[in-house]
Amino acid sequence: MAVLGVGALGVGLFPGNTGTPHALFAMTTFVAGGIAALTGWLVTAGPFRWLSLACGAVALLVLVGYMILGDAMPLAGLGIGGVERWIVYPIILWITGFGGYLAGRGAS
């Protein structure tokens, strides 16, 4: 989670027009976010456990698929921004859900 946070901070500090710094922080965010969601599956229970697994798997599979297949990937027709959203949105969904999961556990 800490690496995910540092990566997201770097993406905010270095917008897309800065080139390499943005790309490095974005890749850090993508990988750390996917791994955080996957490992979140180990510490959660109930239906959210499966959502965590799904979010992490989608983010990492799309990332690795695009890195390996490039423009041959089925989602490549969406453009780089569309593929990026297939990586980022599951991570954002997981972060929001995980925060709610943790907040809900404190109430009981």
PDB file of N, CA and C in Angstrom:
ATOM      1  N   MET A   1       0.831  -1.196   0.000  1.00  0.00           N
ATOM      2  CA  MET A   1       0.000   0.000   0.000  1.00  0.00           C
ATOM      3  C   MET A   1       0.866   1.246   0.000  1.00  0.00           C
ATOM      4  N   ALA A   2       1.990   1.213   0.726  1.00  0.00           N
ATOM      5  CA  ALA A   2       2.868   2.385   0.781  1.00  0.00           C
ATOM      6  C   ALA A   2       3.468   2.675  -0.596  1.00  0.00           C
ATOM      7  N   VAL A   3       3.884   1.639  -1.296  1.00  0.00           N
ATOM      8  CA  VAL A   3       4.457   1.830  -2.633  1.00  0.00           C
ATOM      9  C   VAL A   3       3.391   2.353  -3.587  1.00  0.00           C
ATOM     10  N   LEU A   4       2.177   1.862  -3.457  1.00  0.00           N
ATOM     11  CA  LEU A   4       1.060   2.360  -4.253  1.00  0.00           C
ATOM     12  C   LEU A   4       0.859   3.851  -4.002  1.00  0.00           C
ATOM     13  N   GLY A   5       0.894   4.258  -2.736  1.00  0.00           N
ATOM     14  CA  GLY A   5       0.730   5.667  -2.398  1.00  0.00           C
ATOM     15  C   GLY A   5       1.839   6.537  -2.947  1.00  0.00           C
ATOM     16  N   VAL A   6       3.074   6.081  -2.855  1.00  0.00           N
ATOM     17  CA  VAL A   6       4.208   6.846  -3.389  1.00  0.00           C
ATOM     18  C   VAL A   6       4.086   6.950  -4.912  1.00  0.00           C
ATOM     19  N   GLY A   7       3.705   5.864  -5.555  1.00  0.00           N
ATOM     20  CA  GLY A   7       3.524   5.896  -7.004  1.00  0.00           C
ATOM     21  C   GLY A   7       2.441   6.872  -7.424  1.00  0.00           C
ATOM     22  N   ALA A   8       1.324   6.860  -6.725  1.00  0.00           N
ATOM     23  CA  ALA A   8       0.229   7.780  -7.045  1.00  0.00           C
ATOM     24  C   ALA A   8       0.647   9.234  -6.805  1.00  0.00           C
ATOM     25  N   LEU A   9       1.400   9.474  -5.740  1.00  0.00           N
ATOM     26  CA  LEU A   9       1.913  10.820  -5.478  1.00  0.00           C
ATOM     27  C   LEU A   9       2.823  11.267  -6.615  1.00  0.00           C
ATOM     28  N   GLY A  10       3.700  10.375  -7.070  1.00  0.00           N
ATOM     29  CA  GLY A  10       4.597  10.708  -8.171  1.00  0.00           C
ATOM     30  C   GLY A  10       3.860  11.001  -9.461  1.00  0.00           C
ATOM     31  N   VAL A  11       2.802  10.249  -9.732  1.00  0.00           N
ATOM     32  CA  VAL A  11       2.001  10.508 -10.935  1.00  0.00           C
ATOM     33  C   VAL A  11       1.373  11.899 -10.864  1.00  0.00           C
ATOM     34  N   GLY A  12       0.961  12.296  -9.660  1.00  0.00           N
ATOM     35  CA  GLY A  12       0.392  13.629  -9.498  1.00  0.00           C
ATOM     36  C   GLY A  12       1.432  14.736  -9.608  1.00  0.00           C
ATOM     37  N   LEU A  13       2.625  14.489  -9.102  1.00  0.00           N
ATOM     38  CA  LEU A  13       3.687  15.494  -9.157  1.00  0.00           C
ATOM     39  C   LEU A  13       4.293  15.636 -10.547  1.00  0.00           C
ATOM     40  N   PHE A  14       4.302  14.548 -11.303  1.00  0.00           N
ATOM     41  CA  PHE A  14       4.866  14.548 -12.650  1.00  0.00           C
ATOM     42  C   PHE A  14       3.780  14.200 -13.662  1.00  0.00           C
ATOM     43  N   PRO A  15       3.111  15.205 -14.218  1.00  0.00           N
ATOM     44  CA  PRO A  15       2.031  14.928 -15.175  1.00  0.00           C
ATOM     45  C   PRO A  15       2.566  14.260 -16.444  1.00  0.00           C
ATOM     46  N   GLY A  16       1.661  13.816 -17.288  1.00  0.00           N
ATOM     47  CA  GLY A  16       2.012  13.051 -18.470  1.00  0.00           C
ATOM     48  C   GLY A  16       3.023  13.706 -19.393  1.00  0.00           C
ATOM     49  N   ASN A  17       3.063  15.036 -19.425  1.00  0.00           N
ATOM     50  CA  ASN A  17       3.990  15.715 -20.337  1.00  0.00           C
ATOM     51  C   ASN A  17       5.442  15.706 -19.842  1.00  0.00           C
ATOM     52  N   THR A  18       5.718  15.142 -18.658  1.00  0.00           N
ATOM     53  CA  THR A  18       7.090  15.091 -18.158  1.00  0.00           C
ATOM     54  C   THR A  18       7.834  13.860 -18.650  1.00  0.00           C
ATOM     55  N   GLY A  19       7.137  12.948 -19.304  1.00  0.00           N
ATOM     56  CA  GLY A  19       7.794  11.803 -19.917  1.00  0.00           C
ATOM     57  C   GLY A  19       8.203  10.705 -18.951  1.00  0.00           C
ATOM     58  N   THR A  20       9.503  10.484 -18.839  1.00  0.00           N
ATOM     59  CA  THR A  20      10.031   9.349 -18.080  1.00  0.00           C
ATOM     60  C   THR A  20       9.619   9.330 -16.610  1.00  0.00           C
ATOM     61  N   PRO A  21       9.710  10.445 -15.874  1.00  0.00           N
ATOM     62  CA  PRO A  21       9.289  10.364 -14.462  1.00  0.00           C
ATOM     63  C   PRO A  21       7.834   9.922 -14.306  1.00  0.00           C
ATOM     64  N   HIS A  22       6.967  10.451 -15.147  1.00  0.00           N
ATOM     65  CA  HIS A  22       5.554  10.073 -15.084  1.00  0.00           C
ATOM     66  C   HIS A  22       5.397   8.581 -15.394  1.00  0.00           C
ATOM     67  N   ALA A  23       6.081   8.119 -16.425  1.00  0.00           N
ATOM     68  CA  ALA A  23       5.966   6.713 -16.823  1.00  0.00           C
ATOM     69  C   ALA A  23       6.456   5.782 -15.710  1.00  0.00           C
ATOM     70  N   LEU A  24       7.547   6.129 -15.062  1.00  0.00           N
ATOM     71  CA  LEU A  24       8.074   5.293 -13.977  1.00  0.00           C
ATOM     72  C   LEU A  24       7.124   5.241 -12.786  1.00  0.00           C
ATOM     73  N   PHE A  25       6.593   6.403 -12.405  1.00  0.00           N
ATOM     74  CA  PHE A  25       5.649   6.433 -11.287  1.00  0.00           C
ATOM     75  C   PHE A  25       4.334   5.749 -11.654  1.00  0.00           C
ATOM     76  N   ALA A  26       3.899   5.901 -12.899  1.00  0.00           N
ATOM     77  CA  ALA A  26       2.667   5.235 -13.332  1.00  0.00           C
ATOM     78  C   ALA A  26       2.835   3.720 -13.285  1.00  0.00           C
ATOM     79  N   MET A  27       3.962   3.226 -13.774  1.00  0.00           N
ATOM     80  CA  MET A  27       4.200   1.784 -13.751  1.00  0.00           C
ATOM     81  C   MET A  27       4.276   1.279 -12.307  1.00  0.00           C
ATOM     82  N   THR A  28       4.906   2.066 -11.439  1.00  0.00           N
ATOM     83  CA  THR A  28       4.962   1.708 -10.019  1.00  0.00           C
ATOM     84  C   THR A  28       3.555   1.611  -9.444  1.00  0.00           C
ATOM     85  N   THR A  29       2.724   2.582  -9.770  1.00  0.00           N
ATOM     86  CA  THR A  29       1.345   2.600  -9.286  1.00  0.00           C
ATOM     87  C   THR A  29       0.557   1.406  -9.816  1.00  0.00           C
ATOM     88  N   PHE A  30       0.705   1.111 -11.093  1.00  0.00           N
ATOM     89  CA  PHE A  30      -0.039   0.003 -11.699  1.00  0.00           C
ATOM     90  C   PHE A  30       0.335  -1.325 -11.053  1.00  0.00           C
ATOM     91  N   VAL A  31       1.629  -1.582 -10.932  1.00  0.00           N
ATOM     92  CA  VAL A  31       2.085  -2.863 -10.391  1.00  0.00           C
ATOM     93  C   VAL A  31       1.742  -2.969  -8.910  1.00  0.00           C
ATOM     94  N   ALA A  32       2.057  -1.926  -8.141  1.00  0.00           N
ATOM     95  CA  ALA A  32       1.786  -1.966  -6.701  1.00  0.00           C
ATOM     96  C   ALA A  32       0.288  -2.036  -6.413  1.00  0.00           C
ATOM     97  N   GLY A  33      -0.516  -1.348  -7.206  1.00  0.00           N
ATOM     98  CA  GLY A  33      -1.962  -1.393  -7.009  1.00  0.00           C
ATOM     99  C   GLY A  33      -2.534  -2.765  -7.270  1.00  0.00           C
ATOM    100  N   GLY A  34      -2.096  -3.397  -8.348  1.00  0.00           N
ATOM    101  CA  GLY A  34      -2.560  -4.748  -8.645  1.00  0.00           C
ATOM    102  C   GLY A  34      -2.136  -5.746  -7.578  1.00  0.00           C
ATOM    103  N   ILE A  35      -0.890  -5.633  -7.138  1.00  0.00           N
ATOM    104  CA  ILE A  35      -0.398  -6.538  -6.098  1.00  0.00           C
ATOM    105  C   ILE A  35      -1.108  -6.284  -4.773  1.00  0.00           C
ATOM    106  N   ALA A  36      -1.342  -5.017  -4.450  1.00  0.00           N
ATOM    107  CA  ALA A  36      -2.048  -4.692  -3.203  1.00  0.00           C
ATOM    108  C   ALA A  36      -3.454  -5.281  -3.210  1.00  0.00           C
ATOM    109  N   ALA A  37      -4.139  -5.177  -4.346  1.00  0.00           N
ATOM    110  CA  ALA A  37      -5.483  -5.744  -4.429  1.00  0.00           C
ATOM    111  C   ALA A  37      -5.442  -7.266  -4.302  1.00  0.00           C
ATOM    112  N   LEU A  38      -4.486  -7.889  -4.955  1.00  0.00           N
ATOM    113  CA  LEU A  38      -4.370  -9.346  -4.842  1.00  0.00           C
ATOM    114  C   LEU A  38      -4.061  -9.778  -3.417  1.00  0.00           C
ATOM    115  N   THR A  39      -3.145  -9.099  -2.764  1.00  0.00           N
ATOM    116  CA  THR A  39      -2.819  -9.469  -1.393  1.00  0.00           C
ATOM    117  C   THR A  39      -3.927  -9.064  -0.429  1.00  0.00           C
ATOM    118  N   GLY A  40      -4.737  -8.095  -0.809  1.00  0.00           N
ATOM    119  CA  GLY A  40      -5.900  -7.744  -0.007  1.00  0.00           C
ATOM    120  C   GLY A  40      -6.870  -8.902   0.099  1.00  0.00           C
ATOM    121  N   TRP A  41      -6.843  -9.777  -0.884  1.00  0.00           N
ATOM    122  CA  TRP A  41      -7.678 -10.979  -0.864  1.00  0.00           C
ATOM    123  C   TRP A  41      -7.339 -11.860   0.337  1.00  0.00           C
ATOM    124  N   LEU A  42      -6.100 -11.798   0.773  1.00  0.00           N
ATOM    125  CA  LEU A  42      -5.660 -12.643   1.887  1.00  0.00           C
ATOM    126  C   LEU A  42      -6.144 -12.140   3.247  1.00  0.00           C
ATOM    127  N   VAL A  43      -6.427 -10.853   3.364  1.00  0.00           N
ATOM    128  CA  VAL A  43      -6.762 -10.280   4.670  1.00  0.00           C
ATOM    129  C   VAL A  43      -8.220  -9.839   4.780  1.00  0.00           C
ATOM    130  N   THR A  44      -9.011 -10.109   3.755  1.00  0.00           N
ATOM    131  CA  THR A  44     -10.419  -9.733   3.799  1.00  0.00           C
ATOM    132  C   THR A  44     -11.281 -10.990   3.852  1.00  0.00           C
ATOM    133  N   ALA A  45     -12.562 -10.787   4.094  1.00  0.00           N
ATOM    134  CA  ALA A  45     -13.498 -11.914   4.165  1.00  0.00           C
ATOM    135  C   ALA A  45     -14.775 -11.545   3.421  1.00  0.00           C
ATOM    136  N   GLY A  46     -15.588 -12.526   3.209  1.00  0.00           N
ATOM    137  CA  GLY A  46     -16.888 -12.301   2.588  1.00  0.00           C
ATOM    138  C   GLY A  46     -16.778 -11.965   1.115  1.00  0.00           C
ATOM    139  N   PRO A  47     -17.814 -11.356   0.569  1.00  0.00           N
ATOM    140  CA  PRO A  47     -17.830 -11.046  -0.856  1.00  0.00           C
ATOM    141  C   PRO A  47     -16.711 -10.090  -1.282  1.00  0.00           C
ATOM    142  N   PHE A  48     -16.297  -9.201  -0.373  1.00  0.00           N
ATOM    143  CA  PHE A  48     -15.247  -8.264  -0.766  1.00  0.00           C
ATOM    144  C   PHE A  48     -13.944  -8.983  -1.078  1.00  0.00           C
ATOM    145  N   ARG A  49     -13.756 -10.128  -0.488  1.00  0.00           N
ATOM    146  CA  ARG A  49     -12.548 -10.913  -0.756  1.00  0.00           C
ATOM    147  C   ARG A  49     -12.458 -11.242  -2.247  1.00  0.00           C
ATOM    148  N   TRP A  50     -13.564 -11.621  -2.837  1.00  0.00           N
ATOM    149  CA  TRP A  50     -13.581 -11.975  -4.253  1.00  0.00           C
ATOM    150  C   TRP A  50     -13.481 -10.742  -5.148  1.00  0.00           C
ATOM    151  N   LEU A  51     -14.059  -9.637  -4.711  1.00  0.00           N
ATOM    152  CA  LEU A  51     -13.923  -8.391  -5.469  1.00  0.00           C
ATOM    153  C   LEU A  51     -12.460  -7.950  -5.477  1.00  0.00           C
ATOM    154  N   SER A  52     -11.795  -8.099  -4.356  1.00  0.00           N
ATOM    155  CA  SER A  52     -10.383  -7.757  -4.257  1.00  0.00           C
ATOM    156  C   SER A  52      -9.558  -8.592  -5.224  1.00  0.00           C
ATOM    157  N   LEU A  53      -9.803  -9.871  -5.245  1.00  0.00           N
ATOM    158  CA  LEU A  53      -9.098 -10.766  -6.152  1.00  0.00           C
ATOM    159  C   LEU A  53      -9.361 -10.386  -7.607  1.00  0.00           C
ATOM    160  N   ALA A  54     -10.609 -10.111  -7.934  1.00  0.00           N
ATOM    161  CA  ALA A  54     -10.966  -9.765  -9.307  1.00  0.00           C
ATOM    162  C   ALA A  54     -10.327  -8.446  -9.743  1.00  0.00           C
ATOM    163  N   CYS A  55     -10.359  -7.452  -8.879  1.00  0.00           N
ATOM    164  CA  CYS A  55      -9.775  -6.148  -9.228  1.00  0.00           C
ATOM    165  C   CYS A  55      -8.272  -6.267  -9.466  1.00  0.00           C
ATOM    166  N   GLY A  56      -7.586  -6.955  -8.588  1.00  0.00           N
ATOM    167  CA  GLY A  56      -6.148  -7.136  -8.756  1.00  0.00           C
ATOM    168  C   GLY A  56      -5.812  -7.929 -10.006  1.00  0.00           C
ATOM    169  N   ALA A  57      -6.584  -8.982 -10.259  1.00  0.00           N
ATOM    170  CA  ALA A  57      -6.330  -9.820 -11.427  1.00  0.00           C
ATOM    171  C   ALA A  57      -6.568  -9.057 -12.720  1.00  0.00           C
ATOM    172  N   VAL A  58      -7.655  -8.303 -12.799  1.00  0.00           N
ATOM    173  CA  VAL A  58      -7.941  -7.538 -14.016  1.00  0.00           C
ATOM    174  C   VAL A  58      -6.835  -6.519 -14.263  1.00  0.00           C
ATOM    175  N   ALA A  59      -6.462  -5.765 -13.243  1.00  0.00           N
ATOM    176  CA  ALA A  59      -5.433  -4.739 -13.415  1.00  0.00           C
ATOM    177  C   ALA A  59      -4.119  -5.346 -13.889  1.00  0.00           C
ATOM    178  N   LEU A  60      -3.673  -6.403 -13.249  1.00  0.00           N
ATOM    179  CA  LEU A  60      -2.387  -6.994 -13.613  1.00  0.00           C
ATOM    180  C   LEU A  60      -2.443  -7.733 -14.951  1.00  0.00           C
ATOM    181  N   LEU A  61      -3.543  -8.414 -15.229  1.00  0.00           N
ATOM    182  CA  LEU A  61      -3.654  -9.124 -16.510  1.00  0.00           C
ATOM    183  C   LEU A  61      -3.675  -8.160 -17.694  1.00  0.00           C
ATOM    184  N   VAL A  62      -4.379  -7.052 -17.547  1.00  0.00           N
ATOM    185  CA  VAL A  62      -4.404  -6.063 -18.634  1.00  0.00           C
ATOM    186  C   VAL A  62      -3.020  -5.430 -18.791  1.00  0.00           C
ATOM    187  N   LEU A  63      -2.372  -5.109 -17.684  1.00  0.00           N
ATOM    188  CA  LEU A  63      -1.036  -4.517 -17.746  1.00  0.00           C
ATOM    189  C   LEU A  63      -0.045  -5.460 -18.428  1.00  0.00           C
ATOM    190  N   VAL A  64       0.019  -6.690 -17.958  1.00  0.00           N
ATOM    191  CA  VAL A  64       0.956  -7.664 -18.541  1.00  0.00           C
ATOM    192  C   VAL A  64       0.565  -7.982 -19.984  1.00  0.00           C
ATOM    193  N   GLY A  65      -0.722  -8.119 -20.235  1.00  0.00           N
ATOM    194  CA  GLY A  65      -1.177  -8.394 -21.598  1.00  0.00           C
ATOM    195  C   GLY A  65      -0.778  -7.305 -22.570  1.00  0.00           C
ATOM    196  N   TYR A  66      -0.917  -6.055 -22.160  1.00  0.00           N
ATOM    197  CA  TYR A  66      -0.547  -4.955 -23.051  1.00  0.00           C
ATOM    198  C   TYR A  66       0.965  -4.876 -23.226  1.00  0.00           C
ATOM    199  N   MET A  67       1.709  -5.164 -22.161  1.00  0.00           N
ATOM    200  CA  MET A  67       3.166  -5.131 -22.275  1.00  0.00           C
ATOM    201  C   MET A  67       3.666  -6.245 -23.207  1.00  0.00           C
ATOM    202  N   ILE A  68       3.023  -7.393 -23.192  1.00  0.00           N
ATOM    203  CA  ILE A  68       3.455  -8.517 -24.027  1.00  0.00           C
ATOM    204  C   ILE A  68       2.913  -8.402 -25.451  1.00  0.00           C
ATOM    205  N   LEU A  69       1.615  -8.144 -25.572  1.00  0.00           N
ATOM    206  CA  LEU A  69       0.972  -8.160 -26.884  1.00  0.00           C
ATOM    207  C   LEU A  69       0.975  -6.819 -27.599  1.00  0.00           C
ATOM    208  N   GLY A  70       1.093  -5.726 -26.852  1.00  0.00           N
ATOM    209  CA  GLY A  70       1.079  -4.403 -27.474  1.00  0.00           C
ATOM    210  C   GLY A  70      -0.218  -4.150 -28.211  1.00  0.00           C
ATOM    211  N   ASP A  71      -0.094  -3.726 -29.462  1.00  0.00           N
ATOM    212  CA  ASP A  71      -1.278  -3.397 -30.257  1.00  0.00           C
ATOM    213  C   ASP A  71      -2.058  -4.624 -30.709  1.00  0.00           C
ATOM    214  N   ALA A  72      -1.536  -5.821 -30.470  1.00  0.00           N
ATOM    215  CA  ALA A  72      -2.270  -7.041 -30.809  1.00  0.00           C
ATOM    216  C   ALA A  72      -3.281  -7.408 -29.730  1.00  0.00           C
ATOM    217  N   MET A  73      -3.227  -6.714 -28.586  1.00  0.00           N
ATOM    218  CA  MET A  73      -4.158  -7.000 -27.497  1.00  0.00           C
ATOM    219  C   MET A  73      -5.566  -6.545 -27.892  1.00  0.00           C
ATOM    220  N   PRO A  74      -6.595  -7.313 -27.542  1.00  0.00           N
ATOM    221  CA  PRO A  74      -7.961  -6.930 -27.918  1.00  0.00           C
ATOM    222  C   PRO A  74      -8.368  -5.527 -27.442  1.00  0.00           C
ATOM    223  N   LEU A  75      -7.882  -5.095 -26.296  1.00  0.00           N
ATOM    224  CA  LEU A  75      -8.247  -3.767 -25.788  1.00  0.00           C
ATOM    225  C   LEU A  75      -7.462  -2.634 -26.439  1.00  0.00           C
ATOM    226  N   ALA A  76      -6.487  -2.941 -27.269  1.00  0.00           N
ATOM    227  CA  ALA A  76      -5.635  -1.917 -27.882  1.00  0.00           C
ATOM    228  C   ALA A  76      -6.434  -0.950 -28.747  1.00  0.00           C
ATOM    229  N   GLY A  77      -7.570  -1.386 -29.244  1.00  0.00           N
ATOM    230  CA  GLY A  77      -8.420  -0.506 -30.036  1.00  0.00           C
ATOM    231  C   GLY A  77      -8.926   0.698 -29.245  1.00  0.00           C
ATOM    232  N   LEU A  78      -8.882   0.613 -27.921  1.00  0.00           N
ATOM    233  CA  LEU A  78      -9.305   1.726 -27.077  1.00  0.00           C
ATOM    234  C   LEU A  78      -8.247   2.821 -26.992  1.00  0.00           C
ATOM    235  N   GLY A  79      -7.038   2.536 -27.471  1.00  0.00           N
ATOM    236  CA  GLY A  79      -5.936   3.484 -27.358  1.00  0.00           C
ATOM    237  C   GLY A  79      -5.247   3.310 -26.016  1.00  0.00           C
ATOM    238  N   ILE A  80      -4.125   3.969 -25.864  1.00  0.00           N
ATOM    239  CA  ILE A  80      -3.351   3.828 -24.635  1.00  0.00           C
ATOM    240  C   ILE A  80      -4.128   4.329 -23.421  1.00  0.00           C
ATOM    241  N   GLY A  81      -4.911   5.381 -23.599  1.00  0.00           N
ATOM    242  CA  GLY A  81      -5.725   5.902 -22.490  1.00  0.00           C
ATOM    243  C   GLY A  81      -6.815   4.935 -22.070  1.00  0.00           C
ATOM    244  N   GLY A  82      -7.413   4.248 -23.026  1.00  0.00           N
ATOM    245  CA  GLY A  82      -8.448   3.273 -22.718  1.00  0.00           C
ATOM    246  C   GLY A  82      -7.886   2.061 -21.993  1.00  0.00           C
ATOM    247  N   VAL A  83      -6.719   1.616 -22.441  1.00  0.00           N
ATOM    248  CA  VAL A  83      -6.068   0.487 -21.771  1.00  0.00           C
ATOM    249  C   VAL A  83      -5.673   0.892 -20.358  1.00  0.00           C
ATOM    250  N   GLU A  84      -5.153   2.099 -20.221  1.00  0.00           N
ATOM    251  CA  GLU A  84      -4.759   2.596 -18.896  1.00  0.00           C
ATOM    252  C   GLU A  84      -5.949   2.607 -17.937  1.00  0.00           C
ATOM    253  N   ARG A  85      -7.104   2.951 -18.417  1.00  0.00           N
ATOM    254  CA  ARG A  85      -8.288   2.965 -17.556  1.00  0.00           C
ATOM    255  C   ARG A  85      -8.681   1.556 -17.110  1.00  0.00           C
ATOM    256  N   TRP A  86      -8.459   0.556 -17.969  1.00  0.00           N
ATOM    257  CA  TRP A  86      -8.723  -0.833 -17.582  1.00  0.00           C
ATOM    258  C   TRP A  86      -7.757  -1.308 -16.513  1.00  0.00           C
ATOM    259  N   ILE A  87      -6.650  -0.600 -16.362  1.00  0.00           N
ATOM    260  CA  ILE A  87      -5.695  -0.916 -15.300  1.00  0.00           C
ATOM    261  C   ILE A  87      -6.020  -0.116 -14.042  1.00  0.00           C
ATOM    262  N   VAL A  88      -6.289   1.161 -14.205  1.00  0.00           N
ATOM    263  CA  VAL A  88      -6.441   2.069 -13.067  1.00  0.00           C
ATOM    264  C   VAL A  88      -7.806   1.936 -12.375  1.00  0.00           C
ATOM    265  N   TYR A  89      -8.879   1.824 -13.136  1.00  0.00           N
ATOM    266  CA  TYR A  89     -10.202   1.802 -12.513  1.00  0.00           C
ATOM    267  C   TYR A  89     -10.411   0.641 -11.544  1.00  0.00           C
ATOM    268  N   PRO A  90      -9.965  -0.575 -11.859  1.00  0.00           N
ATOM    269  CA  PRO A  90     -10.105  -1.641 -10.855  1.00  0.00           C
ATOM    270  C   PRO A  90      -9.321  -1.338  -9.569  1.00  0.00           C
ATOM    271  N   ILE A  91      -8.167  -0.694  -9.718  1.00  0.00           N
ATOM    272  CA  ILE A  91      -7.371  -0.341  -8.537  1.00  0.00           C
ATOM    273  C   ILE A  91      -8.095   0.717  -7.705  1.00  0.00           C
ATOM    274  N   ILE A  92      -8.659   1.710  -8.361  1.00  0.00           N
ATOM    275  CA  ILE A  92      -9.398   2.751  -7.642  1.00  0.00           C
ATOM    276  C   ILE A  92     -10.640   2.156  -6.970  1.00  0.00           C
ATOM    277  N   LEU A  93     -11.333   1.273  -7.665  1.00  0.00           N
ATOM    278  CA  LEU A  93     -12.492   0.600  -7.075  1.00  0.00           C
ATOM    279  C   LEU A  93     -12.067  -0.181  -5.839  1.00  0.00           C
ATOM    280  N   TRP A  94     -10.943  -0.891  -5.938  1.00  0.00           N
ATOM    281  CA  TRP A  94     -10.468  -1.667  -4.801  1.00  0.00           C
ATOM    282  C   TRP A  94     -10.060  -0.773  -3.632  1.00  0.00           C
ATOM    283  N   ILE A  95      -9.343   0.308  -3.902  1.00  0.00           N
ATOM    284  CA  ILE A  95      -8.912   1.213  -2.819  1.00  0.00           C
ATOM    285  C   ILE A  95     -10.124   1.754  -2.068  1.00  0.00           C
ATOM    286  N   THR A  96     -11.121   2.174  -2.820  1.00  0.00           N
ATOM    287  CA  THR A  96     -12.330   2.715  -2.195  1.00  0.00           C
ATOM    288  C   THR A  96     -13.050   1.645  -1.378  1.00  0.00           C
ATOM    289  N   GLY A  97     -13.201   0.480  -1.966  1.00  0.00           N
ATOM    290  CA  GLY A  97     -13.861  -0.616  -1.251  1.00  0.00           C
ATOM    291  C   GLY A  97     -13.084  -1.085  -0.040  1.00  0.00           C
ATOM    292  N   PHE A  98     -11.760  -1.142  -0.150  1.00  0.00           N
ATOM    293  CA  PHE A  98     -10.933  -1.586   0.969  1.00  0.00           C
ATOM    294  C   PHE A  98     -11.010  -0.596   2.128  1.00  0.00           C
ATOM    295  N   GLY A  99     -11.033   0.693   1.810  1.00  0.00           N
ATOM    296  CA  GLY A  99     -11.208   1.692   2.866  1.00  0.00           C
ATOM    297  C   GLY A  99     -12.542   1.522   3.569  1.00  0.00           C
ATOM    298  N   GLY A 100     -13.607   1.291   2.803  1.00  0.00           N
ATOM    299  CA  GLY A 100     -14.911   1.038   3.404  1.00  0.00           C
ATOM    300  C   GLY A 100     -14.932  -0.242   4.205  1.00  0.00           C
ATOM    301  N   TYR A 101     -14.261  -1.264   3.703  1.00  0.00           N
ATOM    302  CA  TYR A 101     -14.176  -2.545   4.422  1.00  0.00           C
ATOM    303  C   TYR A 101     -13.496  -2.339   5.778  1.00  0.00           C
ATOM    304  N   LEU A 102     -12.384  -1.635   5.769  1.00  0.00           N
ATOM    305  CA  LEU A 102     -11.663  -1.395   7.019  1.00  0.00           C
ATOM    306  C   LEU A 102     -12.470  -0.515   7.986  1.00  0.00           C
ATOM    307  N   ALA A 103     -13.146   0.488   7.446  1.00  0.00           N
ATOM    308  CA  ALA A 103     -13.960   1.361   8.300  1.00  0.00           C
ATOM    309  C   ALA A 103     -15.124   0.593   8.902  1.00  0.00           C
ATOM    310  N   GLY A 104     -15.724  -0.308   8.148  1.00  0.00           N
ATOM    311  CA  GLY A 104     -16.838  -1.105   8.635  1.00  0.00           C
ATOM    312  C   GLY A 104     -16.430  -2.092   9.700  1.00  0.00           C
ATOM    313  N   ARG A 105     -15.221  -2.577   9.634  1.00  0.00           N
ATOM    314  CA  ARG A 105     -14.748  -3.519  10.643  1.00  0.00           C
ATOM    315  C   ARG A 105     -14.576  -2.838  11.997  1.00  0.00           C
ATOM    316  N   GLY A 106     -14.256  -1.568  12.016  1.00  0.00           N
ATOM    317  CA  GLY A 106     -14.063  -0.851  13.272  1.00  0.00           C
ATOM    318  C   GLY A 106     -15.364  -0.598  13.995  1.00  0.00           C
ATOM    319  N   ALA A 107     -16.474  -0.667  13.282  1.00  0.00           N
ATOM    320  CA  ALA A 107     -17.783  -0.361  13.897  1.00  0.00           C
ATOM    321  C   ALA A 107     -18.309  -1.535  14.723  1.00  0.00           C
ATOM    322  N   SER A 108     -17.804  -2.725  14.525  1.00  0.00           N
ATOM    323  CA  SER A 108     -18.390  -3.880  15.230  1.00  0.00           C
ATOM    324  C   SER A 108     -17.734  -4.171  16.532  1.00  0.00           C
TER     325      SER A 108
END
